[in-house]
């Protein structure tokens, strides 16, 4: 029974992931500010996840002290919120293809930055270390190929048109 619930959850997340990009294109194409869209996105996520977290994590969560709330706020601002704002604002200036490819490079650059800042050790003598480095190189190379490849236009798959001038109105 538990496996069926997990399978249903993952299928719902996959379906939700396929529905988000057309909704984003439609909302931003209609003139919604990218920064306002990020705020709406996180408010909706909070309204959905907060009751679930309260019920499911009721016995395991730490008490909400000022320090815990400050840590959550800093992590949220420095983590995904900045990435989302940069992504949507960058969508004004570059093509959607490049913006999508750059989102896939974030884990690889995070790993490389952790190595440079000595927060992560890279031991190339182990299989795990070689796999980490190969994964980072694979992500960066794949995104570069995805960005610079000039193949044939595949028409008829996108229901919404992308007009970069519509973002500059706000």
N, C-alpha and C. Protein backbone atom coordinates (compact mmCIF):
# COMPACT_ATOMS: atom_id res chain seq x y z
N UNK A 1 0.83 -1.20 0.00
CA UNK A 1 0.00 0.00 0.00
C UNK A 1 0.87 1.26 0.00
N UNK A 2 1.94 1.24 0.81
CA UNK A 2 2.82 2.41 0.88
C UNK A 2 3.50 2.66 -0.45
N UNK A 3 3.89 1.58 -1.14
CA UNK A 3 4.55 1.71 -2.43
C UNK A 3 3.60 2.33 -3.46
N UNK A 4 2.33 1.98 -3.41
CA UNK A 4 1.36 2.55 -4.35
C UNK A 4 1.17 4.05 -4.08
N UNK A 5 1.17 4.43 -2.81
CA UNK A 5 1.05 5.85 -2.49
C UNK A 5 2.26 6.63 -2.98
N UNK A 6 3.46 6.07 -2.79
CA UNK A 6 4.67 6.73 -3.28
C UNK A 6 4.66 6.84 -4.80
N UNK A 7 4.21 5.78 -5.46
CA UNK A 7 4.14 5.80 -6.92
C UNK A 7 3.16 6.87 -7.39
N UNK A 8 2.01 6.98 -6.75
CA UNK A 8 1.04 8.02 -7.09
C UNK A 8 1.61 9.41 -6.85
N UNK A 9 2.35 9.57 -5.76
CA UNK A 9 2.98 10.86 -5.47
C UNK A 9 3.98 11.24 -6.56
N UNK A 10 4.85 10.30 -6.95
CA UNK A 10 5.84 10.59 -7.98
C UNK A 10 5.17 10.87 -9.33
N UNK A 11 4.12 10.14 -9.67
CA UNK A 11 3.43 10.40 -10.92
C UNK A 11 2.78 11.78 -10.90
N UNK A 12 2.25 12.18 -9.76
CA UNK A 12 1.66 13.52 -9.64
C UNK A 12 2.73 14.60 -9.80
N UNK A 13 3.90 14.38 -9.20
CA UNK A 13 4.98 15.36 -9.32
C UNK A 13 5.47 15.47 -10.76
N UNK A 14 5.56 14.35 -11.46
CA UNK A 14 5.97 14.39 -12.86
C UNK A 14 4.95 15.13 -13.70
N UNK A 15 3.65 14.86 -13.49
CA UNK A 15 2.60 15.56 -14.23
C UNK A 15 2.65 17.05 -13.92
N UNK A 16 2.84 17.40 -12.64
CA UNK A 16 2.93 18.80 -12.24
C UNK A 16 4.13 19.48 -12.89
N UNK A 17 5.25 18.75 -13.00
CA UNK A 17 6.44 19.30 -13.65
C UNK A 17 6.22 19.59 -15.12
N UNK A 18 5.39 18.80 -15.79
CA UNK A 18 5.11 19.05 -17.19
C UNK A 18 4.12 20.19 -17.38
N UNK A 19 3.31 20.48 -16.37
CA UNK A 19 2.32 21.54 -16.49
C UNK A 19 2.88 22.92 -16.16
N UNK A 20 3.95 22.98 -15.39
CA UNK A 20 4.49 24.26 -14.95
C UNK A 20 5.03 25.12 -16.09
N UNK A 21 5.90 24.62 -16.99
CA UNK A 21 6.46 25.50 -18.02
C UNK A 21 5.42 26.22 -18.89
N UNK A 22 4.36 25.55 -19.36
CA UNK A 22 3.35 26.32 -20.13
C UNK A 22 2.65 27.38 -19.29
N UNK A 23 2.42 27.09 -18.01
CA UNK A 23 1.78 28.08 -17.13
C UNK A 23 2.70 29.27 -16.94
N UNK A 24 4.00 29.01 -16.75
CA UNK A 24 4.98 30.09 -16.59
C UNK A 24 5.02 30.95 -17.85
N UNK A 25 5.10 30.31 -19.02
CA UNK A 25 5.15 31.07 -20.27
C UNK A 25 3.88 31.90 -20.46
N UNK A 26 2.75 31.32 -20.13
CA UNK A 26 1.49 32.04 -20.28
C UNK A 26 1.43 33.24 -19.33
N UNK A 27 1.80 33.03 -18.07
CA UNK A 27 1.74 34.11 -17.08
C UNK A 27 2.71 35.23 -17.42
N UNK A 28 3.95 34.88 -17.73
CA UNK A 28 4.94 35.91 -18.04
C UNK A 28 4.64 36.58 -19.37
N UNK A 29 4.08 35.83 -20.32
CA UNK A 29 3.71 36.40 -21.61
C UNK A 29 2.56 37.39 -21.50
N UNK A 30 1.71 37.24 -20.47
CA UNK A 30 0.59 38.14 -20.26
C UNK A 30 0.99 39.40 -19.50
N UNK A 31 2.28 39.48 -19.11
CA UNK A 31 2.76 40.71 -18.49
C UNK A 31 3.04 40.62 -17.00
N UNK A 32 2.91 39.43 -16.40
CA UNK A 32 3.22 39.30 -14.98
C UNK A 32 4.72 39.46 -14.77
N UNK A 33 5.09 40.24 -13.81
CA UNK A 33 6.51 40.45 -13.49
C UNK A 33 7.12 39.14 -13.00
N UNK A 34 8.35 38.89 -13.43
CA UNK A 34 9.04 37.67 -13.03
C UNK A 34 9.26 37.63 -11.52
N UNK A 35 9.55 38.75 -10.92
CA UNK A 35 9.79 38.79 -9.47
C UNK A 35 8.50 38.52 -8.70
N UNK A 36 7.39 39.05 -9.18
CA UNK A 36 6.09 38.79 -8.54
C UNK A 36 5.71 37.33 -8.71
N UNK A 37 6.04 36.75 -9.87
CA UNK A 37 5.73 35.34 -10.10
C UNK A 37 6.46 34.45 -9.10
N UNK A 38 7.70 34.77 -8.77
CA UNK A 38 8.45 33.98 -7.79
C UNK A 38 7.78 34.07 -6.43
N UNK A 39 7.30 35.24 -6.05
CA UNK A 39 6.62 35.40 -4.77
C UNK A 39 5.34 34.57 -4.75
N UNK A 40 4.54 34.64 -5.82
CA UNK A 40 3.32 33.84 -5.89
C UNK A 40 3.63 32.35 -5.82
N UNK A 41 4.67 31.95 -6.50
CA UNK A 41 5.04 30.54 -6.54
C UNK A 41 5.35 30.02 -5.14
N UNK A 42 6.10 30.79 -4.36
CA UNK A 42 6.47 30.34 -3.03
C UNK A 42 5.33 30.49 -2.03
N UNK A 43 4.45 31.44 -2.24
CA UNK A 43 3.27 31.53 -1.36
C UNK A 43 2.35 30.34 -1.57
N UNK A 44 2.15 29.94 -2.82
CA UNK A 44 1.32 28.77 -3.10
C UNK A 44 1.96 27.51 -2.54
N UNK A 45 3.27 27.38 -2.72
CA UNK A 45 3.98 26.21 -2.17
C UNK A 45 3.87 26.17 -0.65
N UNK A 46 3.98 27.32 -0.01
CA UNK A 46 3.86 27.37 1.44
C UNK A 46 2.46 26.97 1.89
N UNK A 47 1.44 27.44 1.20
CA UNK A 47 0.07 27.11 1.58
C UNK A 47 -0.21 25.62 1.41
N UNK A 48 0.43 24.98 0.45
CA UNK A 48 0.23 23.55 0.23
C UNK A 48 1.07 22.72 1.21
N UNK A 49 2.33 23.11 1.39
CA UNK A 49 3.25 22.28 2.17
C UNK A 49 3.21 22.51 3.68
N UNK A 50 2.85 23.70 4.13
CA UNK A 50 2.86 23.99 5.56
C UNK A 50 1.90 23.08 6.35
N UNK A 51 0.65 22.90 5.91
CA UNK A 51 -0.21 21.98 6.67
C UNK A 51 0.31 20.54 6.65
N UNK A 52 0.85 20.10 5.51
CA UNK A 52 1.41 18.75 5.44
C UNK A 52 2.61 18.60 6.38
N UNK A 53 3.48 19.59 6.39
CA UNK A 53 4.64 19.53 7.27
C UNK A 53 4.22 19.55 8.73
N UNK A 54 3.20 20.33 9.05
CA UNK A 54 2.75 20.40 10.44
C UNK A 54 2.21 19.05 10.90
N UNK A 55 1.43 18.40 10.05
CA UNK A 55 0.82 17.12 10.43
C UNK A 55 1.84 15.99 10.42
N UNK A 56 2.64 15.90 9.35
CA UNK A 56 3.55 14.77 9.20
C UNK A 56 4.82 14.89 10.03
N UNK A 57 5.28 16.09 10.30
CA UNK A 57 6.53 16.30 11.04
C UNK A 57 6.29 16.85 12.43
N UNK A 58 5.11 16.70 12.94
CA UNK A 58 4.72 17.30 14.22
C UNK A 58 5.63 16.86 15.37
N UNK A 59 6.01 15.59 15.39
CA UNK A 59 6.80 15.09 16.51
C UNK A 59 8.30 15.20 16.29
N UNK A 60 8.74 15.48 15.07
CA UNK A 60 10.17 15.47 14.77
C UNK A 60 10.77 16.86 14.55
N UNK A 61 9.98 17.87 14.44
CA UNK A 61 10.52 19.20 14.12
C UNK A 61 11.06 19.89 15.36
N UNK A 62 12.07 20.75 15.18
CA UNK A 62 12.56 21.52 16.34
C UNK A 62 11.59 22.66 16.65
N UNK A 63 11.72 23.20 17.83
CA UNK A 63 10.87 24.33 18.19
C UNK A 63 11.27 25.54 17.35
N UNK A 64 10.29 26.37 17.05
CA UNK A 64 10.55 27.54 16.22
C UNK A 64 11.09 28.68 17.07
N UNK A 65 12.39 28.72 17.19
CA UNK A 65 13.02 29.83 17.87
C UNK A 65 13.42 30.87 16.83
N UNK A 66 13.88 32.00 17.31
CA UNK A 66 14.31 33.05 16.39
C UNK A 66 15.49 32.58 15.54
N UNK A 67 16.41 31.83 16.15
CA UNK A 67 17.58 31.33 15.41
C UNK A 67 17.20 30.38 14.29
N UNK A 68 16.25 29.48 14.57
CA UNK A 68 15.80 28.54 13.54
C UNK A 68 15.11 29.30 12.40
N UNK A 69 14.26 30.23 12.73
CA UNK A 69 13.56 31.00 11.70
C UNK A 69 14.55 31.83 10.87
N UNK A 70 15.58 32.38 11.51
CA UNK A 70 16.59 33.16 10.80
C UNK A 70 17.37 32.26 9.84
N UNK A 71 17.73 31.06 10.28
CA UNK A 71 18.44 30.12 9.41
C UNK A 71 17.58 29.73 8.21
N UNK A 72 16.31 29.45 8.44
CA UNK A 72 15.41 29.11 7.34
C UNK A 72 15.31 30.27 6.36
N UNK A 73 15.17 31.48 6.86
CA UNK A 73 15.07 32.66 6.00
C UNK A 73 16.33 32.86 5.17
N UNK A 74 17.50 32.76 5.79
CA UNK A 74 18.76 32.95 5.07
C UNK A 74 18.96 31.87 4.02
N UNK A 75 18.68 30.62 4.38
CA UNK A 75 18.82 29.54 3.41
C UNK A 75 17.85 29.71 2.24
N UNK A 76 16.64 30.14 2.52
CA UNK A 76 15.67 30.34 1.45
C UNK A 76 16.09 31.49 0.53
N UNK A 77 16.58 32.56 1.11
CA UNK A 77 16.97 33.72 0.29
C UNK A 77 18.23 33.43 -0.52
N UNK A 78 19.20 32.76 0.07
CA UNK A 78 20.46 32.51 -0.63
C UNK A 78 20.39 31.28 -1.51
N UNK A 79 19.40 30.46 -1.33
CA UNK A 79 19.32 29.23 -2.09
C UNK A 79 18.46 29.39 -3.32
N UNK A 80 17.29 28.83 -3.25
CA UNK A 80 16.44 28.70 -4.43
C UNK A 80 15.80 30.02 -4.85
N UNK A 81 15.57 30.94 -3.93
CA UNK A 81 14.90 32.19 -4.30
C UNK A 81 15.76 33.01 -5.24
N UNK A 82 17.02 33.15 -4.95
CA UNK A 82 17.91 33.90 -5.85
C UNK A 82 18.01 33.18 -7.19
N UNK A 83 18.10 31.85 -7.17
CA UNK A 83 18.20 31.10 -8.42
C UNK A 83 16.96 31.31 -9.27
N UNK A 84 15.79 31.28 -8.66
CA UNK A 84 14.57 31.48 -9.42
C UNK A 84 14.47 32.90 -9.97
N UNK A 85 14.84 33.90 -9.18
CA UNK A 85 14.80 35.28 -9.67
C UNK A 85 15.78 35.48 -10.82
N UNK A 86 16.98 34.96 -10.68
CA UNK A 86 17.97 35.09 -11.75
C UNK A 86 17.49 34.37 -13.01
N UNK A 87 16.86 33.20 -12.83
CA UNK A 87 16.35 32.44 -13.98
C UNK A 87 15.30 33.24 -14.75
N UNK A 88 14.30 33.75 -14.05
CA UNK A 88 13.21 34.44 -14.73
C UNK A 88 13.64 35.79 -15.30
N UNK A 89 14.49 36.51 -14.57
CA UNK A 89 14.99 37.78 -15.11
C UNK A 89 15.92 37.50 -16.28
N UNK A 90 16.73 36.45 -16.18
CA UNK A 90 17.61 36.07 -17.28
C UNK A 90 16.84 35.61 -18.50
N UNK A 91 15.64 35.13 -18.29
CA UNK A 91 14.79 34.72 -19.41
C UNK A 91 14.45 35.90 -20.30
N UNK A 92 14.47 37.12 -19.73
CA UNK A 92 14.24 38.32 -20.53
C UNK A 92 15.39 38.54 -21.51
N UNK A 93 16.59 38.24 -21.07
CA UNK A 93 17.78 38.63 -21.80
C UNK A 93 18.33 37.55 -22.72
N UNK A 94 18.03 36.30 -22.45
CA UNK A 94 18.56 35.20 -23.25
C UNK A 94 17.41 34.32 -23.70
N UNK A 95 17.72 33.32 -24.48
CA UNK A 95 16.67 32.43 -24.99
C UNK A 95 16.23 31.45 -23.92
N UNK A 96 15.03 30.90 -24.03
CA UNK A 96 14.57 29.90 -23.07
C UNK A 96 15.44 28.65 -23.06
N UNK A 97 16.06 28.34 -24.20
CA UNK A 97 16.94 27.17 -24.28
C UNK A 97 18.14 27.34 -23.36
N UNK A 98 18.77 28.49 -23.43
CA UNK A 98 19.95 28.75 -22.59
C UNK A 98 19.54 28.79 -21.12
N UNK A 99 18.40 29.39 -20.82
CA UNK A 99 17.94 29.46 -19.43
C UNK A 99 17.68 28.07 -18.87
N UNK A 100 17.09 27.20 -19.67
CA UNK A 100 16.84 25.83 -19.22
C UNK A 100 18.14 25.06 -19.02
N UNK A 101 19.08 25.25 -19.93
CA UNK A 101 20.36 24.55 -19.83
C UNK A 101 21.14 25.01 -18.60
N UNK A 102 21.09 26.29 -18.30
CA UNK A 102 21.84 26.80 -17.15
C UNK A 102 21.28 26.28 -15.83
N UNK A 103 19.98 26.02 -15.79
CA UNK A 103 19.40 25.45 -14.58
C UNK A 103 19.93 24.07 -14.28
N UNK A 104 20.31 23.33 -15.31
CA UNK A 104 20.85 21.98 -15.12
C UNK A 104 22.31 21.99 -14.70
N UNK A 105 22.99 23.12 -14.85
CA UNK A 105 24.40 23.21 -14.51
C UNK A 105 24.61 23.60 -13.04
N UNK A 106 23.59 24.08 -12.38
CA UNK A 106 23.71 24.56 -11.01
C UNK A 106 24.32 23.51 -10.07
N UNK A 107 23.88 22.24 -10.08
CA UNK A 107 24.52 21.27 -9.18
C UNK A 107 26.00 21.06 -9.47
N UNK A 108 26.37 21.05 -10.74
CA UNK A 108 27.78 20.84 -11.09
C UNK A 108 28.63 22.01 -10.62
N UNK A 109 28.17 23.24 -10.83
CA UNK A 109 28.93 24.40 -10.38
C UNK A 109 28.97 24.47 -8.86
N UNK A 110 27.90 24.05 -8.19
CA UNK A 110 27.90 24.01 -6.74
C UNK A 110 28.97 23.04 -6.23
N UNK A 111 29.06 21.89 -6.87
CA UNK A 111 30.07 20.90 -6.50
C UNK A 111 31.48 21.45 -6.73
N UNK A 112 31.72 22.06 -7.89
CA UNK A 112 33.04 22.61 -8.19
C UNK A 112 33.40 23.76 -7.24
N UNK A 113 32.41 24.58 -6.90
CA UNK A 113 32.64 25.67 -5.95
C UNK A 113 32.96 25.11 -4.56
N UNK A 114 32.30 24.03 -4.17
CA UNK A 114 32.60 23.41 -2.88
C UNK A 114 34.02 22.85 -2.84
N UNK A 115 34.51 22.37 -3.98
CA UNK A 115 35.89 21.88 -4.03
C UNK A 115 36.86 23.05 -3.91
N UNK A 116 36.59 24.13 -4.64
CA UNK A 116 37.48 25.29 -4.61
C UNK A 116 37.52 25.90 -3.21
N UNK A 117 36.38 25.96 -2.54
CA UNK A 117 36.31 26.53 -1.19
C UNK A 117 36.69 25.53 -0.10
N UNK A 118 37.12 24.34 -0.50
CA UNK A 118 37.56 23.27 0.40
C UNK A 118 36.47 22.81 1.36
N UNK A 119 35.24 22.86 0.89
CA UNK A 119 34.14 22.32 1.67
C UNK A 119 33.89 20.86 1.29
N UNK A 120 34.41 20.45 0.17
CA UNK A 120 34.29 19.09 -0.35
C UNK A 120 35.67 18.62 -0.74
N UNK A 121 36.00 17.37 -0.43
CA UNK A 121 37.28 16.81 -0.83
C UNK A 121 37.06 15.95 -2.06
N UNK A 122 37.93 16.10 -3.04
CA UNK A 122 37.85 15.30 -4.25
C UNK A 122 39.01 14.32 -4.25
N UNK A 123 38.70 13.06 -4.06
CA UNK A 123 39.72 12.01 -4.05
C UNK A 123 39.56 11.20 -5.33
N UNK A 124 40.42 11.46 -6.30
CA UNK A 124 40.32 10.78 -7.59
C UNK A 124 40.80 9.34 -7.55
N UNK A 125 41.29 8.90 -6.40
CA UNK A 125 41.72 7.50 -6.27
C UNK A 125 40.55 6.56 -6.02
N UNK A 126 39.42 7.12 -5.59
CA UNK A 126 38.25 6.29 -5.32
C UNK A 126 37.27 6.38 -6.49
N UNK A 127 36.44 5.37 -6.59
CA UNK A 127 35.41 5.34 -7.64
C UNK A 127 34.41 6.47 -7.41
N UNK A 128 34.07 6.73 -6.17
CA UNK A 128 33.12 7.80 -5.84
C UNK A 128 33.64 9.17 -6.28
N UNK A 129 34.91 9.44 -6.04
CA UNK A 129 35.50 10.72 -6.45
C UNK A 129 35.53 10.88 -7.96
N UNK A 130 35.90 9.81 -8.67
CA UNK A 130 35.91 9.88 -10.14
C UNK A 130 34.50 10.04 -10.69
N UNK A 131 33.52 9.40 -10.05
CA UNK A 131 32.13 9.53 -10.50
C UNK A 131 31.61 10.95 -10.28
N UNK A 132 31.98 11.56 -9.16
CA UNK A 132 31.56 12.95 -8.91
C UNK A 132 32.13 13.90 -9.96
N UNK A 133 33.41 13.76 -10.25
CA UNK A 133 34.04 14.62 -11.25
C UNK A 133 33.46 14.35 -12.63
N UNK A 134 33.26 13.09 -12.97
CA UNK A 134 32.68 12.76 -14.28
C UNK A 134 31.26 13.30 -14.40
N UNK A 135 30.50 13.24 -13.33
CA UNK A 135 29.14 13.78 -13.35
C UNK A 135 29.12 15.29 -13.56
N UNK A 136 30.02 15.99 -12.88
CA UNK A 136 30.09 17.45 -13.04
C UNK A 136 30.49 17.81 -14.46
N UNK A 137 31.48 17.11 -15.00
CA UNK A 137 31.91 17.38 -16.38
C UNK A 137 30.80 17.04 -17.36
N UNK A 138 30.10 15.94 -17.11
CA UNK A 138 29.01 15.52 -17.98
C UNK A 138 27.89 16.56 -17.98
N UNK A 139 27.53 17.08 -16.81
CA UNK A 139 26.46 18.11 -16.72
C UNK A 139 26.85 19.38 -17.47
N UNK A 140 28.07 19.84 -17.24
CA UNK A 140 28.50 21.08 -17.89
C UNK A 140 28.61 20.89 -19.40
N UNK A 141 29.19 19.77 -19.84
CA UNK A 141 29.33 19.51 -21.28
C UNK A 141 27.96 19.37 -21.93
N UNK A 142 27.06 18.66 -21.29
CA UNK A 142 25.72 18.49 -21.85
C UNK A 142 24.98 19.81 -21.99
N UNK A 143 25.10 20.66 -20.99
CA UNK A 143 24.43 21.97 -21.07
C UNK A 143 25.04 22.84 -22.15
N UNK A 144 26.37 22.78 -22.31
CA UNK A 144 27.00 23.56 -23.38
C UNK A 144 26.58 23.06 -24.75
N UNK A 145 26.52 21.75 -24.93
CA UNK A 145 26.07 21.20 -26.21
C UNK A 145 24.62 21.59 -26.46
N UNK A 146 23.80 21.48 -25.42
CA UNK A 146 22.39 21.84 -25.53
C UNK A 146 22.20 23.31 -25.90
N UNK A 147 23.06 24.16 -25.38
CA UNK A 147 22.96 25.59 -25.62
C UNK A 147 23.44 25.98 -27.01
N UNK A 148 24.57 25.43 -27.43
CA UNK A 148 25.19 25.89 -28.68
C UNK A 148 24.82 25.06 -29.90
N UNK A 149 24.12 23.96 -29.75
CA UNK A 149 23.74 23.13 -30.88
C UNK A 149 22.71 23.86 -31.73
N UNK A 150 22.95 23.94 -32.99
CA UNK A 150 22.02 24.59 -33.92
C UNK A 150 21.40 23.53 -34.82
N UNK A 151 20.43 22.84 -34.32
CA UNK A 151 19.76 21.79 -35.08
C UNK A 151 18.55 22.33 -35.81
N UNK A 152 17.74 21.40 -36.30
CA UNK A 152 16.53 21.78 -37.02
C UNK A 152 15.46 22.24 -36.05
N UNK A 153 14.61 23.16 -36.50
CA UNK A 153 13.50 23.65 -35.69
C UNK A 153 12.43 22.56 -35.62
N UNK A 154 11.99 22.27 -34.41
CA UNK A 154 10.91 21.30 -34.22
C UNK A 154 9.66 22.10 -33.93
N UNK A 155 8.79 22.22 -34.90
CA UNK A 155 7.60 23.04 -34.75
C UNK A 155 6.40 22.22 -34.31
N UNK A 156 5.37 22.93 -33.85
CA UNK A 156 4.12 22.29 -33.50
C UNK A 156 4.06 21.71 -32.10
N UNK A 157 5.13 21.77 -31.34
CA UNK A 157 5.13 21.20 -30.01
C UNK A 157 4.80 22.21 -28.93
N UNK A 158 4.95 23.48 -29.21
CA UNK A 158 4.74 24.52 -28.21
C UNK A 158 3.43 25.24 -28.49
N UNK A 159 2.57 25.30 -27.49
CA UNK A 159 1.28 25.95 -27.65
C UNK A 159 1.34 27.44 -27.39
N UNK A 160 2.37 27.88 -26.71
CA UNK A 160 2.52 29.28 -26.36
C UNK A 160 3.71 29.86 -27.09
N UNK A 161 3.59 31.08 -27.53
CA UNK A 161 4.71 31.70 -28.22
C UNK A 161 5.52 32.51 -27.22
N UNK A 162 6.79 32.60 -27.47
CA UNK A 162 7.69 33.33 -26.59
C UNK A 162 8.01 34.65 -27.25
N UNK A 163 7.68 35.73 -26.58
CA UNK A 163 7.95 37.07 -27.09
C UNK A 163 8.79 37.79 -26.05
N UNK A 164 10.12 37.91 -26.28
CA UNK A 164 10.97 38.53 -25.25
C UNK A 164 10.65 39.98 -25.00
N UNK A 165 10.00 40.66 -25.92
CA UNK A 165 9.69 42.08 -25.70
C UNK A 165 8.57 42.24 -24.69
N UNK A 166 7.76 41.19 -24.46
CA UNK A 166 6.66 41.33 -23.51
C UNK A 166 7.15 41.45 -22.07
N UNK A 167 8.37 40.99 -21.79
CA UNK A 167 8.90 41.06 -20.44
C UNK A 167 9.39 42.47 -20.11
N UNK A 168 9.74 43.23 -21.09
CA UNK A 168 10.35 44.54 -20.84
C UNK A 168 9.31 45.62 -20.56
N UNK A 169 8.04 45.30 -20.62
CA UNK A 169 7.00 46.30 -20.38
C UNK A 169 6.93 46.70 -18.93
N UNK A 170 7.22 45.76 -18.03
CA UNK A 170 7.08 46.07 -16.59
C UNK A 170 8.33 46.64 -16.02
